[in-house]
Protein backbone atom coordinates (compact mmCIF):
# COMPACT_ATOMS: atom_id res chain seq x y z
CA UNK A 1 0.05 12.94 96.54
CA UNK A 2 -1.59 15.79 96.07
CA UNK A 3 -0.87 15.75 91.47
CA UNK A 4 -1.05 11.66 91.70
CA UNK A 5 -4.43 12.13 90.00
CA UNK A 6 -3.66 14.94 87.58
CA UNK A 7 -0.74 12.79 86.38
CA UNK A 8 -2.87 9.51 86.17
CA UNK A 9 -5.21 11.93 83.82
CA UNK A 10 -2.32 13.12 81.88
CA UNK A 11 -0.49 10.04 81.13
CA UNK A 12 -4.02 8.30 79.91
CA UNK A 13 -4.49 10.98 77.56
CA UNK A 14 -1.07 11.65 76.46
CA UNK A 15 -1.02 7.45 75.67
CA UNK A 16 -4.26 8.20 73.69
CA UNK A 17 -3.25 11.50 71.99
CA UNK A 18 -0.03 9.70 70.59
CA UNK A 19 -1.59 6.49 70.10
CA UNK A 20 -4.01 8.47 67.98
CA UNK A 21 -1.05 10.19 65.92
CA UNK A 22 0.90 7.15 65.42
CA UNK A 23 -2.49 5.78 63.71
CA UNK A 24 -2.65 8.72 61.59
CA UNK A 25 0.89 8.90 60.42
CA UNK A 26 1.16 4.82 59.82
CA UNK A 27 -1.75 5.41 57.81
CA UNK A 28 -0.32 9.13 55.96
CA UNK A 29 3.69 7.63 55.37
CA UNK A 30 2.38 3.28 54.97
CA UNK A 31 3.89 2.07 57.45
CA UNK A 32 4.12 -2.29 57.31
CA UNK A 33 1.70 -3.54 59.61
CA UNK A 34 4.89 -4.90 62.42
CA UNK A 35 5.43 -2.32 62.59
CA UNK A 36 2.21 -0.85 63.73
CA UNK A 37 1.41 -3.90 65.71
CA UNK A 38 4.43 -2.34 67.35
CA UNK A 39 3.06 0.92 68.29
CA UNK A 40 -0.25 -0.69 69.21
CA UNK A 41 1.65 -3.27 71.94
CA UNK A 42 4.19 0.08 73.17
CA UNK A 43 -0.01 2.04 73.49
CA UNK A 44 -1.42 -1.64 75.11
CA UNK A 45 1.89 -1.04 77.55
CA UNK A 46 1.02 2.96 78.17
CA UNK A 47 -2.94 2.44 79.17
CA UNK A 48 -2.27 -0.71 81.48
CA UNK A 49 0.46 1.96 83.26
CA UNK A 50 -2.51 4.53 83.65
CA UNK A 51 -4.57 2.10 84.45
CA UNK A 52 -2.22 0.67 87.94
CA UNK A 53 -1.84 4.68 88.50
CA UNK A 54 -5.83 5.31 88.37
CA UNK A 55 -5.40 1.73 90.73
CA UNK A 56 -2.73 3.41 93.05
CA UNK A 57 -5.35 7.06 93.44
CA UNK A 58 -8.26 5.24 93.69
CA UNK A 59 -5.94 2.71 96.72
CA UNK A 60 -5.01 5.71 98.63
CA UNK A 61 -8.06 7.70 98.36
CA UNK A 62 -10.10 4.48 100.89
CA UNK A 63 -7.08 4.32 103.13
């Protein structure tokens, strides 16, 4: 349980940094908009997962 807040923060940071890296790589290597959309959707799923982790941490603190 004590590692969950850290895991939530690390998850969100990893998703944000990887999304920024993929955006840069996509512009640098001129990837198609369809491929970039796939990575955007994956990043969105990662952010939703981070929100779920954060909600679990906050709910655990209220109980």
